Amino acid sequence: MGLQLRLETEELWSDVDAKIDTMASTPISDRLGTCRVRIVSVLEWLAGVNPIVDGRAAALLQGTPIPVDWLDLCVRRELEQPTAT
């Protein structure tokens, strides 16, 4: 077959560190535009229920230069109040 197997090692999390370094120089508004999920649009759509953003998206909104592939949200669900009889 003329092939050989090659195994290499690299520093743990080096791929993530490289992405963070790249994203650190990008403004937050541009980072939000490159996310798979449109965070700003979803938050505007849910504005009436005051969602809480969690996880990576929360970190990104606070300035952490990390990629965001999904949006973790917490939304308060109002429980029905019992009526007095």
PDB file of N, CA and C in Angstrom:
ATOM      1  N   MET A   1       0.821  -1.197   0.000  1.00  0.00           N
ATOM      2  CA  MET A   1       0.000   0.000   0.000  1.00  0.00           C
ATOM      3  C   MET A   1       0.860   1.253   0.000  1.00  0.00           C
ATOM      4  N   GLY A   2       2.061   1.170   0.488  1.00  0.00           N
ATOM      5  CA  GLY A   2       2.941   2.337   0.479  1.00  0.00           C
ATOM      6  C   GLY A   2       2.541   3.415   1.480  1.00  0.00           C
ATOM      7  N   LEU A   3       1.865   3.044   2.573  1.00  0.00           N
ATOM      8  CA  LEU A   3       1.427   4.010   3.579  1.00  0.00           C
ATOM      9  C   LEU A   3       2.059   3.692   4.924  1.00  0.00           C
ATOM     10  N   GLN A   4       2.187   4.702   5.759  1.00  0.00           N
ATOM     11  CA  GLN A   4       2.647   4.499   7.124  1.00  0.00           C
ATOM     12  C   GLN A   4       1.740   5.270   8.071  1.00  0.00           C
ATOM     13  N   LEU A   5       1.580   4.754   9.246  1.00  0.00           N
ATOM     14  CA  LEU A   5       0.783   5.410  10.275  1.00  0.00           C
ATOM     15  C   LEU A   5       1.681   6.352  11.055  1.00  0.00           C
ATOM     16  N   ARG A   6       1.217   7.576  11.258  1.00  0.00           N
ATOM     17  CA  ARG A   6       1.997   8.570  11.993  1.00  0.00           C
ATOM     18  C   ARG A   6       1.146   9.092  13.139  1.00  0.00           C
ATOM     19  N   LEU A   7       1.716   9.133  14.305  1.00  0.00           N
ATOM     20  CA  LEU A   7       1.033   9.621  15.495  1.00  0.00           C
ATOM     21  C   LEU A   7       1.792  10.829  16.013  1.00  0.00           C
ATOM     22  N   GLU A   8       1.062  11.904  16.268  1.00  0.00           N
ATOM     23  CA  GLU A   8       1.681  13.116  16.795  1.00  0.00           C
ATOM     24  C   GLU A   8       0.960  13.536  18.067  1.00  0.00           C
ATOM     25  N   THR A   9       1.651  14.252  18.890  1.00  0.00           N
ATOM     26  CA  THR A   9       1.030  14.825  20.077  1.00  0.00           C
ATOM     27  C   THR A   9       1.035  16.339  19.948  1.00  0.00           C
ATOM     28  N   GLU A  10       0.093  16.941  20.603  1.00  0.00           N
ATOM     29  CA  GLU A  10       0.060  18.402  20.663  1.00  0.00           C
ATOM     30  C   GLU A  10      -0.424  18.803  22.037  1.00  0.00           C
ATOM     31  N   GLU A  11      -0.159  20.016  22.392  1.00  0.00           N
ATOM     32  CA  GLU A  11      -0.541  20.514  23.706  1.00  0.00           C
ATOM     33  C   GLU A  11      -2.051  20.445  23.867  1.00  0.00           C
ATOM     34  N   LEU A  12      -2.497  19.997  25.034  1.00  0.00           N
ATOM     35  CA  LEU A  12      -3.912  19.887  25.318  1.00  0.00           C
ATOM     36  C   LEU A  12      -4.611  21.225  25.129  1.00  0.00           C
ATOM     37  N   TRP A  13      -5.726  21.230  24.455  1.00  0.00           N
ATOM     38  CA  TRP A  13      -6.543  22.404  24.178  1.00  0.00           C
ATOM     39  C   TRP A  13      -5.888  23.410  23.234  1.00  0.00           C
ATOM     40  N   SER A  14      -4.843  23.022  22.550  1.00  0.00           N
ATOM     41  CA  SER A  14      -4.166  23.980  21.671  1.00  0.00           C
ATOM     42  C   SER A  14      -5.082  24.471  20.556  1.00  0.00           C
ATOM     43  N   ASP A  15      -5.997  23.625  20.071  1.00  0.00           N
ATOM     44  CA  ASP A  15      -6.926  24.068  19.038  1.00  0.00           C
ATOM     45  C   ASP A  15      -7.881  25.128  19.570  1.00  0.00           C
ATOM     46  N   VAL A  16      -8.338  24.961  20.798  1.00  0.00           N
ATOM     47  CA  VAL A  16      -9.227  25.946  21.411  1.00  0.00           C
ATOM     48  C   VAL A  16      -8.469  27.240  21.686  1.00  0.00           C
ATOM     49  N   ASP A  17      -7.247  27.124  22.178  1.00  0.00           N
ATOM     50  CA  ASP A  17      -6.430  28.313  22.430  1.00  0.00           C
ATOM     51  C   ASP A  17      -6.208  29.108  21.146  1.00  0.00           C
ATOM     52  N   ALA A  18      -5.992  28.416  20.032  1.00  0.00           N
ATOM     53  CA  ALA A  18      -5.786  29.089  18.746  1.00  0.00           C
ATOM     54  C   ALA A  18      -7.044  29.852  18.334  1.00  0.00           C
ATOM     55  N   LYS A  19      -8.227  29.251  18.529  1.00  0.00           N
ATOM     56  CA  LYS A  19      -9.482  29.940  18.202  1.00  0.00           C
ATOM     57  C   LYS A  19      -9.681  31.165  19.087  1.00  0.00           C
ATOM     58  N   ILE A  20      -9.371  31.029  20.362  1.00  0.00           N
ATOM     59  CA  ILE A  20      -9.507  32.155  21.282  1.00  0.00           C
ATOM     60  C   ILE A  20      -8.580  33.291  20.878  1.00  0.00           C
ATOM     61  N   ASP A  21      -7.343  32.966  20.531  1.00  0.00           N
ATOM     62  CA  ASP A  21      -6.394  33.998  20.095  1.00  0.00           C
ATOM     63  C   ASP A  21      -6.906  34.731  18.862  1.00  0.00           C
ATOM     64  N   THR A  22      -7.482  33.988  17.927  1.00  0.00           N
ATOM     65  CA  THR A  22      -8.015  34.593  16.712  1.00  0.00           C
ATOM     66  C   THR A  22      -9.207  35.485  17.024  1.00  0.00           C
ATOM     67  N   MET A  23     -10.082  34.992  17.877  1.00  0.00           N
ATOM     68  CA  MET A  23     -11.295  35.746  18.189  1.00  0.00           C
ATOM     69  C   MET A  23     -11.034  36.952  19.076  1.00  0.00           C
ATOM     70  N   ALA A  24      -9.976  36.930  19.851  1.00  0.00           N
ATOM     71  CA  ALA A  24      -9.686  38.027  20.780  1.00  0.00           C
ATOM     72  C   ALA A  24      -9.501  39.351  20.060  1.00  0.00           C
ATOM     73  N   SER A  25      -9.040  39.300  18.835  1.00  0.00           N
ATOM     74  CA  SER A  25      -8.807  40.539  18.092  1.00  0.00           C
ATOM     75  C   SER A  25     -10.038  40.989  17.292  1.00  0.00           C
ATOM     76  N   THR A  26     -11.126  40.249  17.392  1.00  0.00           N
ATOM     77  CA  THR A  26     -12.354  40.560  16.660  1.00  0.00           C
ATOM     78  C   THR A  26     -13.347  41.246  17.597  1.00  0.00           C
ATOM     79  N   PRO A  27     -13.947  42.365  17.168  1.00  0.00           N
ATOM     80  CA  PRO A  27     -14.940  43.041  18.018  1.00  0.00           C
ATOM     81  C   PRO A  27     -16.124  42.117  18.347  1.00  0.00           C
ATOM     82  N   ILE A  28     -16.734  42.317  19.507  1.00  0.00           N
ATOM     83  CA  ILE A  28     -17.852  41.470  19.932  1.00  0.00           C
ATOM     84  C   ILE A  28     -18.979  41.484  18.908  1.00  0.00           C
ATOM     85  N   SER A  29     -19.274  42.643  18.336  1.00  0.00           N
ATOM     86  CA  SER A  29     -20.370  42.710  17.353  1.00  0.00           C
ATOM     87  C   SER A  29     -20.100  41.788  16.169  1.00  0.00           C
ATOM     88  N   ASP A  30     -18.845  41.694  15.749  1.00  0.00           N
ATOM     89  CA  ASP A  30     -18.490  40.786  14.654  1.00  0.00           C
ATOM     90  C   ASP A  30     -18.560  39.332  15.111  1.00  0.00           C
ATOM     91  N   ARG A  31     -18.133  39.069  16.355  1.00  0.00           N
ATOM     92  CA  ARG A  31     -18.202  37.698  16.883  1.00  0.00           C
ATOM     93  C   ARG A  31     -19.640  37.213  16.950  1.00  0.00           C
ATOM     94  N   LEU A  32     -20.551  38.107  17.372  1.00  0.00           N
ATOM     95  CA  LEU A  32     -21.963  37.731  17.426  1.00  0.00           C
ATOM     96  C   LEU A  32     -22.499  37.389  16.044  1.00  0.00           C
ATOM     97  N   GLY A  33     -21.994  38.070  15.034  1.00  0.00           N
ATOM     98  CA  GLY A  33     -22.438  37.818  13.672  1.00  0.00           C
ATOM     99  C   GLY A  33     -21.957  36.503  13.093  1.00  0.00           C
ATOM    100  N   THR A  34     -20.913  35.935  13.672  1.00  0.00           N
ATOM    101  CA  THR A  34     -20.383  34.680  13.144  1.00  0.00           C
ATOM    102  C   THR A  34     -20.894  33.448  13.890  1.00  0.00           C
ATOM    103  N   CYS A  35     -21.691  33.635  14.914  1.00  0.00           N
ATOM    104  CA  CYS A  35     -22.232  32.496  15.669  1.00  0.00           C
ATOM    105  C   CYS A  35     -23.232  31.738  14.810  1.00  0.00           C
ATOM    106  N   ARG A  36     -23.308  30.433  15.038  1.00  0.00           N
ATOM    107  CA  ARG A  36     -24.288  29.619  14.315  1.00  0.00           C
ATOM    108  C   ARG A  36     -25.710  30.036  14.658  1.00  0.00           C
ATOM    109  N   VAL A  37     -25.929  30.460  15.867  1.00  0.00           N
ATOM    110  CA  VAL A  37     -27.257  30.909  16.301  1.00  0.00           C
ATOM    111  C   VAL A  37     -27.224  32.433  16.379  1.00  0.00           C
ATOM    112  N   ARG A  38     -28.275  33.069  15.942  1.00  0.00           N
ATOM    113  CA  ARG A  38     -28.355  34.532  15.960  1.00  0.00           C
ATOM    114  C   ARG A  38     -28.811  34.981  17.347  1.00  0.00           C
ATOM    115  N   ILE A  39     -27.853  35.136  18.239  1.00  0.00           N
ATOM    116  CA  ILE A  39     -28.128  35.422  19.645  1.00  0.00           C
ATOM    117  C   ILE A  39     -28.972  36.679  19.810  1.00  0.00           C
ATOM    118  N   VAL A  40     -28.594  37.746  19.156  1.00  0.00           N
ATOM    119  CA  VAL A  40     -29.305  39.014  19.319  1.00  0.00           C
ATOM    120  C   VAL A  40     -30.753  38.878  18.855  1.00  0.00           C
ATOM    121  N   SER A  41     -30.982  38.228  17.725  1.00  0.00           N
ATOM    122  CA  SER A  41     -32.350  38.047  17.213  1.00  0.00           C
ATOM    123  C   SER A  41     -33.204  37.234  18.177  1.00  0.00           C
ATOM    124  N   VAL A  42     -32.631  36.161  18.724  1.00  0.00           N
ATOM    125  CA  VAL A  42     -33.373  35.324  19.665  1.00  0.00           C
ATOM    126  C   VAL A  42     -33.708  36.116  20.922  1.00  0.00           C
ATOM    127  N   LEU A  43     -32.751  36.891  21.425  1.00  0.00           N
ATOM    128  CA  LEU A  43     -33.003  37.680  22.635  1.00  0.00           C
ATOM    129  C   LEU A  43     -34.048  38.770  22.389  1.00  0.00           C
ATOM    130  N   GLU A  44     -34.028  39.379  21.214  1.00  0.00           N
ATOM    131  CA  GLU A  44     -35.056  40.373  20.882  1.00  0.00           C
ATOM    132  C   GLU A  44     -36.429  39.707  20.813  1.00  0.00           C
ATOM    133  N   TRP A  45     -36.498  38.514  20.223  1.00  0.00           N
ATOM    134  CA  TRP A  45     -37.755  37.790  20.093  1.00  0.00           C
ATOM    135  C   TRP A  45     -38.314  37.396  21.462  1.00  0.00           C
ATOM    136  N   LEU A  46     -37.428  37.068  22.402  1.00  0.00           N
ATOM    137  CA  LEU A  46     -37.834  36.637  23.738  1.00  0.00           C
ATOM    138  C   LEU A  46     -37.811  37.763  24.780  1.00  0.00           C
ATOM    139  N   ALA A  47     -37.704  38.990  24.330  1.00  0.00           N
ATOM    140  CA  ALA A  47     -37.542  40.114  25.258  1.00  0.00           C
ATOM    141  C   ALA A  47     -38.665  40.199  26.287  1.00  0.00           C
ATOM    142  N   GLY A  48     -39.868  39.828  25.928  1.00  0.00           N
ATOM    143  CA  GLY A  48     -41.004  39.928  26.836  1.00  0.00           C
ATOM    144  C   GLY A  48     -40.947  38.964  28.011  1.00  0.00           C
ATOM    145  N   VAL A  49     -40.143  37.915  27.907  1.00  0.00           N
ATOM    146  CA  VAL A  49     -40.061  36.935  28.992  1.00  0.00           C
ATOM    147  C   VAL A  49     -38.749  37.029  29.771  1.00  0.00           C
ATOM    148  N   ASN A  50     -37.930  38.011  29.444  1.00  0.00           N
ATOM    149  CA  ASN A  50     -36.666  38.249  30.148  1.00  0.00           C
ATOM    150  C   ASN A  50     -35.823  36.982  30.303  1.00  0.00           C
ATOM    151  N   PRO A  51     -35.337  36.428  29.194  1.00  0.00           N
ATOM    152  CA  PRO A  51     -34.546  35.200  29.296  1.00  0.00           C
ATOM    153  C   PRO A  51     -33.197  35.449  29.964  1.00  0.00           C
ATOM    154  N   ILE A  52     -32.668  34.407  30.549  1.00  0.00           N
ATOM    155  CA  ILE A  52     -31.325  34.442  31.129  1.00  0.00           C
ATOM    156  C   ILE A  52     -30.424  33.641  30.207  1.00  0.00           C
ATOM    157  N   VAL A  53     -29.367  34.275  29.723  1.00  0.00           N
ATOM    158  CA  VAL A  53     -28.421  33.603  28.841  1.00  0.00           C
ATOM    159  C   VAL A  53     -27.393  32.898  29.708  1.00  0.00           C
ATOM    160  N   ASP A  54     -27.071  31.666  29.339  1.00  0.00           N
ATOM    161  CA  ASP A  54     -26.146  30.854  30.125  1.00  0.00           C
ATOM    162  C   ASP A  54     -25.063  30.299  29.213  1.00  0.00           C
ATOM    163  N   GLY A  55     -24.060  29.713  29.798  1.00  0.00           N
ATOM    164  CA  GLY A  55     -23.028  29.004  29.053  1.00  0.00           C
ATOM    165  C   GLY A  55     -22.116  29.887  28.224  1.00  0.00           C
ATOM    166  N   ARG A  56     -21.691  29.355  27.083  1.00  0.00           N
ATOM    167  CA  ARG A  56     -20.742  30.069  26.219  1.00  0.00           C
ATOM    168  C   ARG A  56     -21.291  31.393  25.711  1.00  0.00           C
ATOM    169  N   ALA A  57     -22.586  31.418  25.377  1.00  0.00           N
ATOM    170  CA  ALA A  57     -23.170  32.658  24.868  1.00  0.00           C
ATOM    171  C   ALA A  57     -23.089  33.760  25.924  1.00  0.00           C
ATOM    172  N   ALA A  58     -23.330  33.415  27.180  1.00  0.00           N
ATOM    173  CA  ALA A  58     -23.219  34.404  28.255  1.00  0.00           C
ATOM    174  C   ALA A  58     -21.787  34.912  28.361  1.00  0.00           C
ATOM    175  N   ALA A  59     -20.842  34.003  28.255  1.00  0.00           N
ATOM    176  CA  ALA A  59     -19.432  34.406  28.311  1.00  0.00           C
ATOM    177  C   ALA A  59     -19.078  35.321  27.144  1.00  0.00           C
ATOM    178  N   LEU A  60     -19.584  35.006  25.948  1.00  0.00           N
ATOM    179  CA  LEU A  60     -19.319  35.841  24.776  1.00  0.00           C
ATOM    180  C   LEU A  60     -19.907  37.235  24.964  1.00  0.00           C
ATOM    181  N   LEU A  61     -21.128  37.318  25.472  1.00  0.00           N
ATOM    182  CA  LEU A  61     -21.763  38.623  25.686  1.00  0.00           C
ATOM    183  C   LEU A  61     -21.020  39.462  26.722  1.00  0.00           C
ATOM    184  N   GLN A  62     -20.275  38.800  27.601  1.00  0.00           N
ATOM    185  CA  GLN A  62     -19.489  39.512  28.605  1.00  0.00           C
ATOM    186  C   GLN A  62     -18.064  39.782  28.132  1.00  0.00           C
ATOM    187  N   GLY A  63     -17.756  39.414  26.879  1.00  0.00           N
ATOM    188  CA  GLY A  63     -16.470  39.765  26.294  1.00  0.00           C
ATOM    189  C   GLY A  63     -15.468  38.648  26.142  1.00  0.00           C
ATOM    190  N   THR A  64     -15.796  37.439  26.563  1.00  0.00           N
ATOM    191  CA  THR A  64     -14.860  36.323  26.423  1.00  0.00           C
ATOM    192  C   THR A  64     -14.778  35.907  24.959  1.00  0.00           C
ATOM    193  N   PRO A  65     -13.602  35.827  24.393  1.00  0.00           N
ATOM    194  CA  PRO A  65     -13.469  35.483  22.973  1.00  0.00           C
ATOM    195  C   PRO A  65     -13.536  33.976  22.724  1.00  0.00           C
ATOM    196  N   ILE A  66     -14.744  33.416  22.753  1.00  0.00           N
ATOM    197  CA  ILE A  66     -14.906  31.988  22.514  1.00  0.00           C
ATOM    198  C   ILE A  66     -15.948  31.760  21.429  1.00  0.00           C
ATOM    199  N   PRO A  67     -15.823  30.658  20.688  1.00  0.00           N
ATOM    200  CA  PRO A  67     -16.849  30.334  19.684  1.00  0.00           C
ATOM    201  C   PRO A  67     -18.131  29.857  20.365  1.00  0.00           C
ATOM    202  N   VAL A  68     -19.253  30.191  19.774  1.00  0.00           N
ATOM    203  CA  VAL A  68     -20.551  29.783  20.320  1.00  0.00           C
ATOM    204  C   VAL A  68     -21.308  29.023  19.237  1.00  0.00           C
ATOM    205  N   ASP A  69     -21.619  27.767  19.514  1.00  0.00           N
ATOM    206  CA  ASP A  69     -22.342  26.939  18.553  1.00  0.00           C
ATOM    207  C   ASP A  69     -23.810  26.757  18.919  1.00  0.00           C
ATOM    208  N   TRP A  70     -24.176  27.065  20.153  1.00  0.00           N
ATOM    209  CA  TRP A  70     -25.562  26.927  20.584  1.00  0.00           C
ATOM    210  C   TRP A  70     -25.851  27.974  21.641  1.00  0.00           C
ATOM    211  N   LEU A  71     -27.123  28.132  21.958  1.00  0.00           N
ATOM    212  CA  LEU A  71     -27.547  29.155  22.899  1.00  0.00           C
ATOM    213  C   LEU A  71     -28.284  28.485  24.050  1.00  0.00           C
ATOM    214  N   ASP A  72     -27.748  28.598  25.253  1.00  0.00           N
ATOM    215  CA  ASP A  72     -28.395  28.073  26.450  1.00  0.00           C
ATOM    216  C   ASP A  72     -29.192  29.202  27.094  1.00  0.00           C
ATOM    217  N   LEU A  73     -30.488  28.969  27.262  1.00  0.00           N
ATOM    218  CA  LEU A  73     -31.363  29.979  27.847  1.00  0.00           C
ATOM    219  C   LEU A  73     -32.165  29.397  29.002  1.00  0.00           C
ATOM    220  N   CYS A  74     -32.465  30.243  29.955  1.00  0.00           N
ATOM    221  CA  CYS A  74     -33.400  29.904  31.022  1.00  0.00           C
ATOM    222  C   CYS A  74     -34.535  30.912  30.915  1.00  0.00           C
ATOM    223  N   VAL A  75     -35.754  30.412  30.929  1.00  0.00           N
ATOM    224  CA  VAL A  75     -36.925  31.279  30.843  1.00  0.00           C
ATOM    225  C   VAL A  75     -37.846  30.925  31.999  1.00  0.00           C
ATOM    226  N   ARG A  76     -38.246  31.937  32.727  1.00  0.00           N
ATOM    227  CA  ARG A  76     -39.131  31.704  33.870  1.00  0.00           C
ATOM    228  C   ARG A  76     -40.514  31.314  33.358  1.00  0.00           C
ATOM    229  N   ARG A  77     -41.037  30.275  33.926  1.00  0.00           N
ATOM    230  CA  ARG A  77     -42.374  29.829  33.569  1.00  0.00           C
ATOM    231  C   ARG A  77     -43.300  30.187  34.722  1.00  0.00           C
ATOM    232  N   GLU A  78     -44.259  31.018  34.443  1.00  0.00           N
ATOM    233  CA  GLU A  78     -45.211  31.436  35.474  1.00  0.00           C
ATOM    234  C   GLU A  78     -46.144  30.285  35.792  1.00  0.00           C
ATOM    235  N   LEU A  79     -46.265  29.992  37.056  1.00  0.00           N
ATOM    236  CA  LEU A  79     -47.197  28.966  37.486  1.00  0.00           C
ATOM    237  C   LEU A  79     -48.560  29.594  37.702  1.00  0.00           C
ATOM    238  N   GLU A  80     -49.589  28.852  37.406  1.00  0.00           N
ATOM    239  CA  GLU A  80     -50.939  29.350  37.609  1.00  0.00           C
ATOM    240  C   GLU A  80     -51.182  29.574  39.090  1.00  0.00           C
ATOM    241  N   GLN A  81     -51.695  30.717  39.425  1.00  0.00           N
ATOM    242  CA  GLN A  81     -52.008  31.029  40.820  1.00  0.00           C
ATOM    243  C   GLN A  81     -53.371  30.434  41.171  1.00  0.00           C
ATOM    244  N   PRO A  82     -53.470  29.736  42.300  1.00  0.00           N
ATOM    245  CA  PRO A  82     -54.777  29.199  42.679  1.00  0.00           C
ATOM    246  C   PRO A  82     -55.745  30.334  43.019  1.00  0.00           C
ATOM    247  N   THR A  83     -56.973  30.137  42.676  1.00  0.00           N
ATOM    248  CA  THR A  83     -57.983  31.172  42.967  1.00  0.00           C
ATOM    249  C   THR A  83     -58.602  30.888  44.339  1.00  0.00           C
ATOM    250  N   ALA A  84     -58.896  31.943  45.068  1.00  0.00           N
ATOM    251  CA  ALA A  84     -59.500  31.809  46.392  1.00  0.00           C
ATOM    252  C   ALA A  84     -60.969  31.428  46.239  1.00  0.00           C
ATOM    253  N   THR A  85     -61.412  30.510  47.051  1.00  0.00           N
ATOM    254  CA  THR A  85     -62.833  30.108  46.979  1.00  0.00           C
ATOM    255  C   THR A  85     -63.557  30.458  48.242  1.00  0.00           C
TER     256      THR A  85
END
